[in-house]
Amino acid sequence: MRNLLGKRSAYKWLLLFFGIAVAFCCVFLIWKKIPRQRIQDTIYADIDRDGDDEKIVLLWKKGRFGKHRPFWIKEDEDTYSQHIFIYDVLEDGSEQQKWFASDIGREVVRMKIIGKNADTLLLEDTEGNNTLWRWGSWGLKNVENEVEFIAFGDNIIHKEIMNYAGAVKKGSYDFLYEPYSKEISEADIAAFGAETVLVDKESAVSGYPNFGSPLEVGEALEKAGFDIAVCGNNHALDKGISGIDVTTSFYNNNGIITVGVQNSRDKEYVPYETIAKNGLKFALFSYTYGTNGKDASSQYPYAVHYLPVSEKEKERAAEDIKRARSEADFVIVFAHWGNEYEKEVSKEQRKAAEFFAGAGADVIIGSHPHVVQKTDIIECSDGRKTIVFYSLGNFRAYQGHSEETKTGGEAVIVFEHCYEGAGIKSYELREIDAFAEGIPD
């Protein structure tokens, strides 16, 4: 009996050992079969633009690499890191791995598909940074996510500048913009205030009070790399409709967008222009408080865009801005306003800024005082925030009223794609030397 009980006990221990062994083998086999991955998010989109949706998977897995790794990496890490897998979805519903990204290098919180053709992947990390990825010849490639938009104040070609250019620079005005060539070329979009119109006849060239700048000024601005000429200002009609026609024709023919004035050939009102860069679109408005008593509206009603004053004008402007918001990611309003040589923002400026902000402007950039005024934020009733640069002062000029007129401002705004759509990443006002260098003071 004792021998029988001993055999049964040994048999039970043998069964227990065998069961543990089988369980261990099953766990090992399952572990070998299932990749050590933890899926965080999945999206279906035609990321490679081949007409069929792919499966895009954001996941965590052990090891930074796949089956293959760089020859200098002898052993992969045994810790989790984030990766992107892309699979082709076959007709029978099965999946075939198409592409795999090694360790992303940042901790991504979420992802989404954006773009006009829904072919761009946006990743947002834990620090709120956003990156864009598009399919290249093989795999995803990082593409530019930001747009740096810079704007300078009034470009005023005084007689002293013209005399110096003719006598010393052989008629070239390149010297005016060379000090800023690097930042203009590095910016995605660059704008300047075209305070003086261009003329194509030597007899029409003149300085203050009725400005007419030679075409060589326009050539220098085009060479410097500007994208936008802001022409809505009080000197827009200094040379009548002819000055506007020459100015708009020259800039538009040389790839520079003009805003604030319209050519006499235009048969309808064009309240704004648009420009796009890196997948972001901007609607550009330009208004002036007046044109020094000159008026061409009876014959050319669209020649100059004036700041809205009456309720009817404000309704029209608000409708224009609303339409622009539906077409573009951002609305930028250039306003020629305020009191000359006064650093304090006027009541009229504040009221106009509040109107444009409430109508939907994201950024307002002011000029005319010839001195730099403060930068402010207007908090709108719908939760938006509008950045206002009340006055950038002068850009290039020979205006010696005071040291303050010799100092200008450069508005620098960085726009970006973000998870919510598009936003302003940063902004600043940089001080510049606005006095034309090289000319005897």
Protein backbone atom coordinates (compact mmCIF):
# COMPACT_ATOMS: atom_id res chain seq x y z
CA MET A 1 0.00 0.00 0.00
CA ARG A 2 2.82 2.35 0.91
CA ASN A 3 4.59 1.63 -2.41
CA LEU A 4 1.36 2.30 -4.30
CA LEU A 5 0.89 5.70 -2.62
CA GLY A 6 4.48 6.62 -3.37
CA LYS A 7 4.02 5.78 -7.04
CA ARG A 8 0.83 7.86 -7.22
CA SER A 9 2.58 10.86 -5.62
CA ALA A 10 5.47 10.59 -8.05
CA TYR A 11 2.97 10.32 -10.91
CA LYS A 12 1.23 13.52 -9.78
CA TRP A 13 4.52 15.37 -9.64
CA LEU A 14 5.39 14.10 -13.09
CA LEU A 15 2.04 15.34 -14.48
CA LEU A 16 2.50 18.72 -12.81
CA PHE A 17 6.00 19.07 -14.25
CA PHE A 18 4.76 18.03 -17.68
CA GLY A 19 1.88 20.55 -17.51
CA ILE A 20 4.23 23.39 -16.55
CA ALA A 21 6.56 22.44 -19.39
CA VAL A 22 3.72 22.39 -21.92
CA ALA A 23 2.43 25.76 -20.67
CA PHE A 24 5.91 27.27 -20.90
CA CYS A 25 6.35 25.96 -24.44
CA CYS A 26 2.95 27.41 -25.44
CA VAL A 27 3.80 30.80 -23.99
CA PHE A 28 7.20 30.70 -25.68
CA LEU A 29 5.68 29.77 -29.03
CA ILE A 30 3.01 32.46 -28.75
CA TRP A 31 5.67 35.00 -27.76
CA LYS A 32 7.75 33.98 -30.76
CA LYS A 33 4.75 34.20 -33.07
CA ILE A 34 3.31 37.57 -31.93
CA PRO A 35 5.64 40.58 -32.49
CA ARG A 36 6.46 42.56 -29.41
CA GLN A 37 4.38 45.54 -30.56
CA ARG A 38 1.81 47.82 -29.01
CA ILE A 39 -0.37 49.69 -31.51
CA GLN A 40 -1.12 53.30 -30.57
CA ASP A 41 -3.09 54.53 -33.61
CA THR A 42 -4.16 53.46 -37.10
CA ILE A 43 -5.17 55.52 -40.14
CA TYR A 44 -6.22 54.50 -43.65
CA ALA A 45 -5.18 56.94 -46.40
CA ASP A 46 -3.68 57.00 -49.90
CA ILE A 47 -0.34 58.15 -48.55
CA ASP A 48 1.64 57.07 -51.63
CA ARG A 49 -0.89 58.58 -54.07
CA ASP A 50 -1.38 55.33 -56.03
CA GLY A 51 -5.17 55.43 -55.92
CA ASP A 52 -5.57 52.89 -53.08
CA ASP A 53 -5.61 53.44 -49.34
CA GLU A 54 -2.75 52.16 -47.23
CA LYS A 55 -2.86 51.25 -43.56
CA ILE A 56 -0.65 53.58 -41.50
CA VAL A 57 0.14 52.32 -38.03
CA LEU A 58 1.77 54.26 -35.19
CA LEU A 59 3.10 51.74 -32.69
CA TRP A 60 5.60 50.93 -30.00
CA LYS A 61 7.89 47.96 -30.44
CA LYS A 62 10.98 46.53 -28.84
CA GLY A 63 14.12 47.41 -30.73
CA ARG A 64 14.88 50.48 -32.77
CA PHE A 65 15.28 48.61 -36.07
CA GLY A 66 13.59 45.90 -38.12
CA LYS A 67 15.17 42.75 -39.54
CA HIS A 68 18.07 44.80 -40.82
CA ARG A 69 20.05 47.47 -39.04
CA PRO A 70 23.09 49.65 -39.83
CA PHE A 71 26.29 47.64 -39.99
CA TRP A 72 27.82 49.63 -37.16
CA ILE A 73 24.97 48.64 -34.79
CA LYS A 74 26.00 45.21 -33.48
CA GLU A 75 22.97 44.57 -31.28
CA ASP A 76 19.52 46.16 -31.23
CA GLU A 77 18.09 47.61 -28.03
CA ASP A 78 15.58 45.61 -25.98
CA THR A 79 13.49 48.65 -25.02
CA TYR A 80 10.32 50.02 -26.57
CA SER A 81 10.51 52.82 -29.14
CA GLN A 82 7.97 54.44 -31.46
CA HIS A 83 7.68 53.51 -35.14
CA ILE A 84 5.47 53.92 -38.19
CA PHE A 85 4.49 50.90 -40.28
CA ILE A 86 2.71 51.21 -43.62
CA TYR A 87 0.85 48.25 -45.13
CA ASP A 88 -0.70 47.69 -48.54
CA VAL A 89 -4.26 46.40 -48.17
CA LEU A 90 -4.76 43.62 -50.72
CA GLU A 91 -8.00 42.73 -52.52
CA ASP A 92 -8.64 39.73 -50.27
CA GLY A 93 -8.39 41.95 -47.20
CA SER A 94 -4.96 40.73 -46.18
CA GLU A 95 -2.10 43.14 -45.52
CA GLN A 96 1.43 43.29 -46.85
CA GLN A 97 4.09 45.42 -45.20
CA LYS A 98 5.09 48.26 -47.53
CA TRP A 99 7.40 50.39 -45.42
CA PHE A 100 8.77 50.62 -41.91
CA ALA A 101 10.37 53.54 -40.09
CA SER A 102 13.11 53.03 -37.54
CA ASP A 103 12.79 54.77 -34.19
CA ILE A 104 10.93 58.08 -34.86
CA GLY A 105 13.18 59.86 -32.40
CA ARG A 106 10.38 61.75 -30.65
CA GLU A 107 7.38 60.76 -28.59
CA VAL A 108 4.35 61.24 -30.82
CA VAL A 109 1.03 61.86 -29.09
CA ARG A 110 -1.26 61.72 -32.13
CA MET A 111 -1.32 61.76 -35.91
CA LYS A 112 -3.70 62.74 -38.69
CA ILE A 113 -3.87 63.07 -42.47
CA ILE A 114 -3.98 66.62 -43.88
CA GLY A 115 -3.48 68.38 -47.19
CA LYS A 116 -5.58 69.25 -50.19
CA ASN A 117 -5.14 65.73 -51.53
CA ALA A 118 -5.16 64.07 -48.08
CA ASP A 119 -1.67 62.70 -48.67
CA THR A 120 0.35 64.33 -45.88
CA LEU A 121 0.87 62.81 -42.44
CA LEU A 122 1.03 65.19 -39.47
CA LEU A 123 2.63 64.04 -36.22
CA GLU A 124 2.29 65.95 -32.96
CA ASP A 125 4.75 65.20 -30.15
CA THR A 126 4.53 65.63 -26.39
CA GLU A 127 6.04 69.13 -26.57
CA GLY A 128 3.42 70.34 -29.05
CA ASN A 129 5.79 70.31 -32.02
CA ASN A 130 4.27 69.30 -35.35
CA THR A 131 6.05 67.62 -38.24
CA LEU A 132 4.81 66.79 -41.73
CA TRP A 133 5.62 63.66 -43.73
CA ARG A 134 4.92 62.85 -47.38
CA TRP A 135 5.63 59.79 -49.48
CA GLY A 136 8.79 60.16 -51.55
CA SER A 137 10.38 57.80 -54.03
CA TRP A 138 10.64 55.25 -51.23
CA GLY A 139 9.07 55.86 -47.88
CA LEU A 140 8.01 58.90 -45.89
CA LYS A 141 10.11 62.05 -46.02
CA ASN A 142 9.96 65.01 -43.69
CA VAL A 143 8.64 68.16 -45.45
CA GLU A 144 8.63 71.80 -44.36
CA ASN A 145 5.89 72.50 -41.84
CA GLU A 146 6.40 76.21 -41.18
CA VAL A 147 6.15 79.48 -43.09
CA GLU A 148 8.26 82.41 -41.95
CA PHE A 149 6.52 85.61 -43.00
CA ILE A 150 8.47 88.87 -42.67
CA ALA A 151 7.29 92.42 -43.31
CA PHE A 152 9.09 95.75 -43.42
CA GLY A 153 7.64 99.24 -43.14
CA ASP A 154 7.65 102.19 -45.53
CA ASN A 155 10.09 102.14 -48.44
CA ILE A 156 10.45 105.86 -49.29
CA ILE A 157 12.80 106.92 -52.07
CA HIS A 158 13.67 110.50 -51.18
CA LYS A 159 15.52 112.80 -53.56
CA GLU A 160 18.74 112.38 -51.57
CA ILE A 161 18.64 108.62 -52.17
CA MET A 162 18.11 109.10 -55.91
CA ASN A 163 20.97 111.61 -56.12
CA TYR A 164 23.30 109.24 -54.29
CA ALA A 165 22.28 106.26 -56.43
CA GLY A 166 22.90 108.23 -59.60
CA ALA A 167 26.19 109.79 -58.57
CA VAL A 168 27.79 106.92 -56.65
CA LYS A 169 25.97 103.67 -57.56
CA LYS A 170 25.57 104.18 -61.33
CA GLY A 171 21.81 104.26 -61.04
CA SER A 172 21.50 101.05 -59.03
CA TYR A 173 19.48 100.86 -55.83
CA ASP A 174 20.73 97.44 -54.77
CA PHE A 175 22.71 99.01 -51.93
CA LEU A 176 19.47 99.88 -50.14
CA TYR A 177 18.41 96.27 -49.62
CA GLU A 178 21.73 94.42 -49.46
CA PRO A 179 21.91 94.75 -45.63
CA TYR A 180 18.73 92.63 -45.44
CA SER A 181 19.36 90.25 -48.32
CA LYS A 182 20.06 87.26 -46.08
CA GLU A 183 16.87 87.49 -44.02
CA ILE A 184 14.75 88.27 -47.09
CA SER A 185 16.10 85.26 -48.97
CA GLU A 186 15.75 82.96 -45.96
CA ALA A 187 12.14 83.99 -45.28
CA ASP A 188 9.39 82.05 -47.03
CA ILE A 189 7.39 85.23 -47.73
CA ALA A 190 8.69 88.81 -47.57
CA ALA A 191 6.65 92.03 -47.82
CA PHE A 192 7.52 95.73 -47.87
CA GLY A 193 5.54 98.97 -47.80
CA ALA A 194 5.71 100.56 -51.26
CA GLU A 195 5.29 104.14 -50.09
CA THR A 196 6.47 105.57 -53.42
CA VAL A 197 5.02 104.55 -56.78
CA LEU A 198 7.17 103.61 -59.77
CA VAL A 199 7.34 105.69 -62.95
CA ASP A 200 8.65 104.77 -66.39
CA LYS A 201 9.55 108.28 -67.61
CA GLU A 202 12.54 110.28 -66.42
CA SER A 203 10.43 113.43 -66.39
CA ALA A 204 8.14 111.83 -63.80
CA VAL A 205 10.92 110.95 -61.35
CA SER A 206 10.65 113.06 -58.22
CA GLY A 207 10.95 113.11 -54.46
CA TYR A 208 8.86 114.66 -51.70
CA PRO A 209 6.03 115.70 -51.71
CA ASN A 210 4.89 113.90 -54.90
CA PHE A 211 7.02 110.79 -55.12
CA GLY A 212 7.87 109.00 -58.34
CA SER A 213 10.61 106.37 -58.17
CA PRO A 214 12.50 105.06 -61.21
CA LEU A 215 11.99 101.46 -62.30
CA GLU A 216 15.49 100.67 -61.06
CA VAL A 217 14.05 100.81 -57.52
CA GLY A 218 11.61 98.07 -58.47
CA GLU A 219 14.42 96.06 -60.02
CA ALA A 220 16.40 96.25 -56.78
CA LEU A 221 13.37 95.14 -54.75
CA GLU A 222 12.76 92.22 -57.10
CA LYS A 223 16.44 91.27 -56.93
CA ALA A 224 16.31 91.40 -53.13
CA GLY A 225 13.65 88.69 -53.23
CA PHE A 226 10.45 90.38 -52.09
CA ASP A 227 7.13 88.64 -52.69
CA ILE A 228 4.62 91.34 -51.74
CA ALA A 229 4.44 95.09 -52.39
CA VAL A 230 1.98 96.78 -50.03
CA CYS A 231 0.77 99.76 -52.06
CA GLY A 232 -2.19 101.09 -50.09
CA ASN A 233 -0.81 104.39 -48.74
CA ASN A 234 -1.32 108.15 -48.86
CA HIS A 235 1.15 108.58 -51.76
CA ALA A 236 -0.56 106.02 -54.03
CA LEU A 237 -1.95 108.76 -56.30
CA ASP A 238 1.12 111.02 -56.32
CA LYS A 239 1.45 110.36 -60.07
CA GLY A 240 -2.23 109.82 -60.73
CA ILE A 241 -3.57 106.59 -62.19
CA SER A 242 -0.44 106.36 -64.36
CA GLY A 243 1.73 105.76 -61.28
CA ILE A 244 -0.56 102.97 -60.10
CA ASP A 245 -0.59 101.37 -63.56
CA VAL A 246 3.20 101.42 -63.90
CA THR A 247 3.65 100.15 -60.34
CA THR A 248 1.19 97.27 -60.53
CA SER A 249 2.34 96.22 -64.01
CA PHE A 250 6.01 96.22 -63.06
CA TYR A 251 5.64 94.31 -59.79
CA ASN A 252 3.15 91.78 -61.14
CA ASN A 253 5.30 91.15 -64.22
CA ASN A 254 8.25 90.48 -61.93
CA GLY A 255 6.51 88.06 -59.60
CA ILE A 256 5.70 90.50 -56.80
CA ILE A 257 2.08 90.61 -55.63
CA THR A 258 0.61 94.11 -55.23
CA VAL A 259 -2.12 94.81 -52.68
CA GLY A 260 -4.02 97.98 -51.82
CA VAL A 261 -4.25 99.41 -55.35
CA GLN A 262 -5.62 98.19 -58.66
CA ASN A 263 -4.68 98.78 -62.27
CA SER A 264 -6.98 101.02 -64.34
CA ARG A 265 -7.72 98.04 -66.58
CA ASP A 266 -9.41 96.19 -63.70
CA LYS A 267 -13.15 96.10 -64.22
CA GLU A 268 -14.10 94.80 -60.80
CA TYR A 269 -13.09 95.23 -57.20
CA VAL A 270 -10.43 92.76 -56.01
CA PRO A 271 -10.37 93.21 -52.22
CA TYR A 272 -7.50 90.84 -51.54
CA GLU A 273 -4.78 88.72 -53.09
CA THR A 274 -3.59 85.29 -51.98
CA ILE A 275 -0.20 83.66 -51.67
CA ALA A 276 0.61 80.08 -50.65
CA LYS A 277 3.75 78.48 -49.26
CA ASN A 278 4.45 75.06 -47.76
CA GLY A 279 0.79 74.12 -47.90
CA LEU A 280 -0.42 77.25 -46.06
CA LYS A 281 -2.47 79.92 -47.85
CA PHE A 282 -2.63 83.61 -46.93
CA ALA A 283 -5.20 86.23 -47.89
CA LEU A 284 -3.68 89.73 -48.07
CA PHE A 285 -5.57 93.01 -47.64
CA SER A 286 -4.19 96.55 -47.79
CA TYR A 287 -6.01 99.78 -46.88
CA THR A 288 -5.02 103.44 -46.52
CA TYR A 289 -6.67 106.25 -44.55
CA GLY A 290 -6.43 108.59 -47.58
CA THR A 291 -4.38 109.81 -50.57
CA ASN A 292 -3.35 113.37 -49.63
CA GLY A 293 -6.51 114.91 -51.02
CA LYS A 294 -6.14 113.30 -54.45
CA ASP A 295 -9.08 111.25 -55.69
CA ALA A 296 -9.50 109.01 -58.74
CA SER A 297 -12.58 107.13 -57.56
CA SER A 298 -15.04 108.80 -59.94
CA GLN A 299 -13.26 107.37 -62.98
CA TYR A 300 -11.38 104.48 -61.35
CA PRO A 301 -13.45 103.32 -58.35
CA TYR A 302 -11.11 100.40 -57.55
CA ALA A 303 -7.78 102.21 -57.93
CA VAL A 304 -7.13 102.65 -54.19
CA HIS A 305 -8.47 100.62 -51.26
CA TYR A 306 -9.44 102.95 -48.43
CA LEU A 307 -9.97 102.07 -44.78
CA PRO A 308 -13.67 101.40 -44.19
CA VAL A 309 -15.34 104.24 -42.32
CA SER A 310 -19.08 104.15 -42.95
CA GLU A 311 -21.26 101.27 -41.82
CA LYS A 312 -21.78 100.23 -45.44
CA GLU A 313 -18.03 100.17 -46.06
CA LYS A 314 -17.47 98.16 -42.89
CA GLU A 315 -20.12 95.64 -43.89
CA ARG A 316 -18.44 95.18 -47.26
CA ALA A 317 -14.98 94.82 -45.70
CA ALA A 318 -16.29 92.32 -43.14
CA GLU A 319 -17.86 90.25 -45.91
CA ASP A 320 -14.59 90.34 -47.88
CA ILE A 321 -12.61 89.15 -44.87
CA LYS A 322 -15.16 86.44 -44.14
CA ARG A 323 -14.87 85.17 -47.70
CA ALA A 324 -11.09 85.30 -47.51
CA ARG A 325 -11.14 83.20 -44.33
CA SER A 326 -13.07 80.52 -46.17
CA GLU A 327 -10.39 80.42 -48.89
CA ALA A 328 -7.20 80.82 -46.87
CA ASP A 329 -5.63 79.59 -43.66
CA PHE A 330 -4.73 83.11 -42.51
CA VAL A 331 -5.90 86.66 -43.16
CA ILE A 332 -3.33 89.47 -43.00
CA VAL A 333 -4.41 93.11 -43.13
CA PHE A 334 -1.95 95.90 -43.93
CA ALA A 335 -3.24 99.25 -42.64
CA HIS A 336 -1.80 102.68 -43.50
CA TRP A 337 -3.07 104.72 -40.57
CA GLY A 338 -2.21 106.78 -37.51
CA ASN A 339 -0.43 110.08 -36.93
CA GLU A 340 2.97 110.81 -38.38
CA TYR A 341 5.94 110.83 -35.98
CA GLU A 342 3.79 109.82 -32.98
CA LYS A 343 4.80 106.70 -31.09
CA GLU A 344 1.49 106.57 -29.24
CA VAL A 345 -1.23 104.53 -30.94
CA SER A 346 -4.21 106.74 -31.82
CA LYS A 347 -7.82 106.04 -30.89
CA GLU A 348 -8.66 105.67 -34.58
CA GLN A 349 -5.98 103.01 -34.99
CA ARG A 350 -7.33 101.05 -32.04
CA LYS A 351 -10.89 101.18 -33.34
CA ALA A 352 -9.84 100.07 -36.82
CA ALA A 353 -7.72 97.27 -35.37
CA GLU A 354 -10.64 96.03 -33.27
CA PHE A 355 -12.87 96.08 -36.35
CA PHE A 356 -10.43 94.04 -38.47
CA ALA A 357 -9.77 91.61 -35.61
CA GLY A 358 -13.48 91.10 -35.06
CA ALA A 359 -14.02 90.61 -38.78
CA GLY A 360 -11.51 87.77 -38.85
CA ALA A 361 -7.99 89.13 -39.38
CA ASP A 362 -5.22 87.01 -37.85
CA VAL A 363 -2.47 89.62 -38.21
CA ILE A 364 -2.63 93.40 -38.72
CA ILE A 365 0.50 95.24 -39.87
CA GLY A 366 0.49 99.03 -39.72
CA SER A 367 2.47 101.81 -41.34
CA HIS A 368 2.49 105.61 -41.95
CA PRO A 369 3.65 107.11 -38.60
CA HIS A 370 7.31 106.67 -39.76
CA VAL A 371 8.19 105.62 -36.22
CA VAL A 372 7.82 102.22 -34.60
CA GLN A 373 4.76 101.74 -32.44
CA LYS A 374 3.91 98.92 -30.06
CA THR A 375 2.87 95.38 -30.88
CA ASP A 376 -0.32 94.17 -29.22
CA ILE A 377 -2.74 91.24 -28.99
CA ILE A 378 -6.48 91.66 -29.43
CA GLU A 379 -8.57 88.89 -27.86
CA CYS A 380 -11.68 88.38 -29.95
CA SER A 381 -15.10 87.36 -28.68
CA ASP A 382 -14.90 84.02 -30.52
CA GLY A 383 -11.69 83.06 -28.71
CA ARG A 384 -9.30 84.00 -31.50
CA LYS A 385 -6.29 86.23 -30.92
CA THR A 386 -5.18 88.85 -33.44
CA ILE A 387 -1.60 90.13 -33.51
CA VAL A 388 -1.30 93.87 -34.23
CA PHE A 389 1.93 95.57 -35.25
CA TYR A 390 0.61 99.13 -35.04
CA SER A 391 3.48 100.66 -36.99
CA LEU A 392 6.70 99.24 -38.42
CA GLY A 393 8.05 102.73 -39.07
CA ASN A 394 10.35 103.22 -42.04
CA PHE A 395 12.16 100.53 -43.99
CA ARG A 396 14.44 102.50 -46.31
CA ALA A 397 14.23 106.30 -46.26
CA TYR A 398 16.16 109.53 -45.88
CA GLN A 399 13.97 111.09 -43.25
CA GLY A 400 15.91 112.98 -40.63
CA HIS A 401 13.11 114.33 -38.46
CA SER A 402 14.52 112.48 -35.44
CA GLU A 403 16.47 109.41 -34.48
CA GLU A 404 13.16 107.58 -34.18
CA THR A 405 12.45 107.95 -37.91
CA LYS A 406 15.82 106.34 -38.60
CA THR A 407 14.82 103.22 -36.68
CA GLY A 408 12.37 100.81 -38.23
CA GLY A 409 10.79 97.50 -37.37
CA GLU A 410 10.73 94.10 -39.05
CA ALA A 411 7.72 91.94 -38.22
CA VAL A 412 8.60 88.24 -38.15
CA ILE A 413 5.73 85.76 -37.87
CA VAL A 414 6.07 81.98 -38.05
CA PHE A 415 2.96 80.11 -39.15
CA GLU A 416 2.61 76.33 -38.94
CA HIS A 417 0.40 73.36 -39.64
CA CYS A 418 -0.91 71.96 -36.37
CA TYR A 419 -3.33 69.27 -35.29
CA GLU A 420 -6.23 71.71 -35.05
CA GLY A 421 -5.53 73.01 -38.57
CA ALA A 422 -3.08 75.91 -38.74
CA GLY A 423 -1.75 78.36 -36.20
CA ILE A 424 0.82 81.02 -35.36
CA LYS A 425 3.86 79.46 -33.73
CA SER A 426 5.72 82.68 -32.87
CA TYR A 427 6.00 86.37 -33.65
CA GLU A 428 8.40 89.20 -32.88
CA LEU A 429 9.32 92.75 -33.86
CA ARG A 430 12.98 93.22 -34.71
CA GLU A 431 14.62 96.63 -34.75
CA ILE A 432 16.33 97.68 -37.99
CA ASP A 433 18.33 100.68 -39.20
CA ALA A 434 15.93 102.43 -41.59
CA PHE A 435 18.20 105.31 -42.56
CA ALA A 436 19.66 104.80 -46.04
CA GLU A 437 23.23 103.70 -45.41
CA GLY A 438 26.15 105.24 -47.23
CA ILE A 439 24.50 108.60 -47.83
CA PRO A 440 26.08 111.51 -45.94
CA ASP A 441 23.84 112.45 -43.02
